[in-house]
Amino acid sequence: MKKPAKRAAQKPRRTPAQSRSAETVAVIVEAAARVLELRGLDGFNTNAVAERAGVSIGSLYQYFRNKDALLASLIEQQAEPFIRILETIPRDVPFQTALLQLIEASAHQQLQRPELSRLLDFIERQATFEDLAKRTIDRVQRVLIELLKRKDAPPVDNRLEAALEVLSLIRALTDAAGERGEKNHARLASRIHGAVCGYFGIARPL
């Protein structure tokens, strides 16, 4: 019974129809990202975001009901470019090439703004955002399942199970790299690729 109310609280109050409104929302969401990076979750609140964005608290509340709505928009904004890359992987490239593109996108996403990614990963595990996080994971999972249907993909007994386990492996390694402060996403992607190839029992291409 609580989930619809939760989703309603996370939704923006209104969708910006004009370019100026869209710009204001973009500024507010980026300010939210900066406040989260600099102050952490304990220091994250709507007043701090409004001050960072250079808007009144009233203007912020025109678009966002509360800090949960801000965090939800931030999660979606950070995830969408990554998801778009995955969903547009060409169907005619070999499985290994497509797999590496997925891994590289994940590594780049994590290390581009590691502190923000680390905090958003933590926030997504909270019950308030479980539905939003599940929708993102489901989209990534569907991409990997489609990759596993390709003719040159390694055989697996259960594509859903394999997709979940591979995604867990990728996420664990990218999270650990982010926590260590690693900067080189290409090196990280290479290590993850090796680990995933090991999971499937296939050789890495030379």
Protein backbone atom coordinates (compact mmCIF):
# COMPACT_ATOMS: atom_id res chain seq x y z
CA MET A 1 0.00 0.00 0.00
CA LYS A 2 2.94 2.36 0.61
CA LYS A 3 4.65 1.98 -2.75
CA PRO A 4 2.30 4.25 -4.79
CA ALA A 5 2.76 6.98 -2.18
CA LYS A 6 6.50 6.45 -2.31
CA ARG A 7 6.57 6.78 -6.09
CA ALA A 8 4.38 9.90 -5.95
CA ALA A 9 6.74 11.55 -3.46
CA GLN A 10 9.69 10.88 -5.76
CA LYS A 11 8.07 12.31 -8.88
CA PRO A 12 8.80 15.92 -9.86
CA ARG A 13 5.92 18.29 -9.09
CA ARG A 14 5.77 19.30 -12.74
CA THR A 15 7.56 18.49 -15.95
CA PRO A 16 9.33 21.53 -17.45
CA ALA A 17 7.62 22.43 -20.72
CA GLN A 18 9.72 25.45 -21.68
CA SER A 19 13.45 25.58 -22.29
CA ARG A 20 14.01 28.03 -19.42
CA SER A 21 12.20 25.69 -17.01
CA ALA A 22 14.19 22.73 -18.34
CA GLU A 23 17.41 24.67 -17.78
CA THR A 24 16.35 25.49 -14.22
CA VAL A 25 15.65 21.82 -13.49
CA ALA A 26 19.01 20.83 -14.99
CA VAL A 27 20.79 23.40 -12.78
CA ILE A 28 18.96 22.15 -9.69
CA VAL A 29 19.75 18.50 -10.40
CA GLU A 30 23.44 19.27 -11.02
CA ALA A 31 23.47 21.28 -7.80
CA ALA A 32 22.01 18.23 -6.04
CA ALA A 33 24.85 16.14 -7.43
CA ARG A 34 27.47 18.60 -6.20
CA VAL A 35 25.93 18.88 -2.73
CA LEU A 36 25.81 15.09 -2.45
CA GLU A 37 29.44 14.79 -3.58
CA LEU A 38 30.70 17.51 -1.25
CA ARG A 39 28.53 17.01 1.85
CA GLY A 40 27.45 13.39 1.65
CA LEU A 41 23.98 12.12 2.44
CA ASP A 42 23.94 13.59 5.96
CA GLY A 43 24.51 17.10 4.56
CA PHE A 44 22.08 16.73 1.67
CA ASN A 45 18.89 18.80 1.95
CA THR A 46 16.73 21.03 -0.23
CA ASN A 47 18.03 24.26 1.30
CA ALA A 48 21.62 23.33 0.49
CA VAL A 49 20.66 22.38 -3.06
CA ALA A 50 18.69 25.59 -3.62
CA GLU A 51 21.63 27.67 -2.34
CA ARG A 52 24.07 25.80 -4.58
CA ALA A 53 21.77 26.18 -7.59
CA GLY A 54 21.26 29.88 -6.96
CA VAL A 55 17.47 29.59 -6.79
CA SER A 56 14.96 30.24 -4.04
CA ILE A 57 13.67 27.32 -2.04
CA GLY A 58 10.23 28.16 -3.43
CA SER A 59 11.51 27.78 -6.99
CA LEU A 60 13.01 24.41 -6.11
CA TYR A 61 9.72 23.23 -4.64
CA GLN A 62 7.94 24.16 -7.86
CA TYR A 63 9.71 21.21 -9.45
CA PHE A 64 10.62 18.86 -6.58
CA ARG A 65 8.39 17.90 -3.66
CA ASN A 66 11.20 17.00 -1.29
CA LYS A 67 14.77 15.71 -1.16
CA ASP A 68 13.66 12.19 -2.12
CA ALA A 69 12.28 13.58 -5.39
CA LEU A 70 15.61 15.30 -5.96
CA LEU A 71 17.52 12.10 -5.30
CA ALA A 72 15.21 10.10 -7.58
CA SER A 73 15.75 12.57 -10.42
CA LEU A 74 19.49 12.45 -9.81
CA ILE A 75 19.50 8.64 -9.93
CA GLU A 76 17.54 8.66 -13.19
CA GLN A 77 19.73 11.35 -14.74
CA GLN A 78 22.91 9.46 -13.93
CA ALA A 79 21.56 6.12 -15.15
CA GLU A 80 19.89 7.18 -18.41
CA PRO A 81 23.00 7.87 -20.57
CA PHE A 82 24.48 4.56 -19.43
CA ILE A 83 21.27 2.67 -20.24
CA ARG A 84 21.01 4.38 -23.64
CA ILE A 85 24.51 3.22 -24.55
CA LEU A 86 23.65 -0.35 -23.64
CA GLU A 87 20.33 -0.34 -25.47
CA THR A 88 21.96 0.90 -28.68
CA ILE A 89 24.76 -1.69 -28.89
CA PRO A 90 24.64 -2.81 -32.55
CA ARG A 91 23.08 -6.21 -33.12
CA ASP A 92 25.63 -7.14 -35.78
CA VAL A 93 28.76 -6.95 -33.61
CA PRO A 94 30.21 -10.15 -32.09
CA PHE A 95 29.15 -11.16 -28.60
CA GLN A 96 32.59 -10.42 -27.15
CA THR A 97 32.59 -6.91 -28.65
CA ALA A 98 29.11 -6.20 -27.33
CA LEU A 99 30.04 -7.56 -23.89
CA LEU A 100 33.11 -5.33 -23.74
CA GLN A 101 31.03 -2.30 -24.74
CA LEU A 102 28.64 -3.04 -21.87
CA ILE A 103 31.52 -3.40 -19.42
CA GLU A 104 33.29 -0.27 -20.65
CA ALA A 105 30.09 1.76 -20.30
CA SER A 106 29.68 0.50 -16.73
CA ALA A 107 33.28 1.26 -15.78
CA HIS A 108 33.15 4.73 -17.34
CA GLN A 109 29.87 5.50 -15.57
CA GLN A 110 31.29 4.49 -12.19
CA LEU A 111 34.63 6.28 -12.45
CA GLN A 112 33.43 9.46 -14.16
CA ARG A 113 32.15 10.76 -10.82
CA PRO A 114 33.15 8.01 -8.37
CA GLU A 115 31.97 9.64 -5.14
CA LEU A 116 28.58 10.45 -6.65
CA SER A 117 28.27 6.92 -8.06
CA ARG A 118 29.21 5.40 -4.72
CA LEU A 119 26.63 7.44 -2.83
CA LEU A 120 23.90 6.80 -5.39
CA ASP A 121 24.62 3.07 -5.20
CA PHE A 122 24.11 3.28 -1.43
CA ILE A 123 20.91 5.34 -1.82
CA GLU A 124 19.47 2.91 -4.38
CA ARG A 125 19.69 0.11 -1.81
CA GLN A 126 17.35 1.97 0.53
CA ALA A 127 13.74 0.83 0.61
CA THR A 128 12.51 4.25 -0.53
CA PHE A 129 14.20 3.82 -3.91
CA GLU A 130 13.90 0.05 -4.41
CA ASP A 131 11.35 0.33 -7.23
CA LEU A 132 13.45 2.90 -9.10
CA ALA A 133 16.61 0.82 -8.69
CA LYS A 134 14.80 -2.33 -9.83
CA ARG A 135 13.59 -0.63 -13.02
CA THR A 136 17.17 0.35 -13.87
CA ILE A 137 18.53 -3.12 -13.11
CA ASP A 138 15.76 -4.73 -15.15
CA ARG A 139 16.68 -2.65 -18.20
CA VAL A 140 20.35 -3.59 -17.95
CA GLN A 141 19.41 -7.20 -17.34
CA ARG A 142 17.28 -7.27 -20.50
CA VAL A 143 20.24 -6.00 -22.53
CA LEU A 144 22.49 -8.78 -21.23
CA ILE A 145 19.82 -11.45 -21.81
CA GLU A 146 19.54 -10.27 -25.41
CA LEU A 147 23.32 -10.51 -25.76
CA LEU A 148 23.18 -14.09 -24.47
CA LYS A 149 20.67 -14.97 -27.20
CA ARG A 150 23.20 -14.21 -29.94
CA LYS A 151 24.47 -17.14 -31.96
CA ASP A 152 28.07 -16.65 -30.89
CA ALA A 153 27.23 -16.17 -27.19
CA PRO A 154 28.50 -18.80 -24.73
CA PRO A 155 25.87 -21.42 -23.86
CA VAL A 156 24.28 -21.06 -20.42
CA ASP A 157 21.65 -23.15 -18.68
CA ASN A 158 19.61 -20.16 -17.57
CA ARG A 159 20.01 -16.76 -19.26
CA LEU A 160 18.19 -14.87 -16.51
CA GLU A 161 20.36 -16.39 -13.81
CA ALA A 162 23.53 -15.76 -15.82
CA ALA A 163 22.53 -12.14 -16.47
CA LEU A 164 21.90 -11.51 -12.77
CA GLU A 165 25.19 -13.08 -11.72
CA VAL A 166 27.25 -11.27 -14.36
CA LEU A 167 25.65 -7.94 -13.46
CA SER A 168 26.40 -8.59 -9.79
CA LEU A 169 30.03 -9.33 -10.71
CA ILE A 170 30.34 -6.16 -12.80
CA ARG A 171 28.73 -4.03 -10.12
CA ALA A 172 30.89 -5.45 -7.32
CA LEU A 173 34.11 -4.78 -9.22
CA THR A 174 33.12 -1.28 -10.34
CA ASP A 175 31.96 -0.36 -6.83
CA ALA A 176 35.23 -1.58 -5.31
CA ALA A 177 37.23 0.41 -7.87
CA GLY A 178 35.21 3.54 -7.12
CA GLU A 179 35.76 3.15 -3.39
CA ARG A 180 39.52 2.84 -3.96
CA GLY A 181 39.50 6.02 -5.99
CA GLU A 182 40.60 4.32 -9.19
CA LYS A 183 40.63 6.67 -12.19
CA ASN A 184 41.52 4.54 -15.22
CA HIS A 185 38.23 3.13 -16.50
CA ALA A 186 39.93 1.32 -19.42
CA ARG A 187 42.09 -0.74 -17.04
CA LEU A 188 39.08 -1.46 -14.86
CA ALA A 189 37.04 -2.55 -17.89
CA SER A 190 39.84 -4.88 -18.97
CA ARG A 191 39.94 -6.58 -15.55
CA ILE A 192 36.17 -6.91 -15.42
CA HIS A 193 36.13 -8.34 -18.94
CA GLY A 194 38.63 -10.98 -17.86
CA ALA A 195 36.52 -11.88 -14.83
CA VAL A 196 33.31 -12.14 -16.90
CA CYS A 197 35.06 -14.29 -19.53
CA GLY A 198 36.18 -16.53 -16.66
CA TYR A 199 32.57 -16.76 -15.47
CA PHE A 200 31.45 -17.91 -18.92
CA GLY A 201 34.47 -20.17 -19.36
CA ILE A 202 35.54 -18.47 -22.57
CA ALA A 203 38.88 -17.08 -23.70
CA ARG A 204 39.42 -13.36 -24.00
CA PRO A 205 40.05 -12.25 -27.58
CA LEU A 206 43.63 -11.21 -28.27
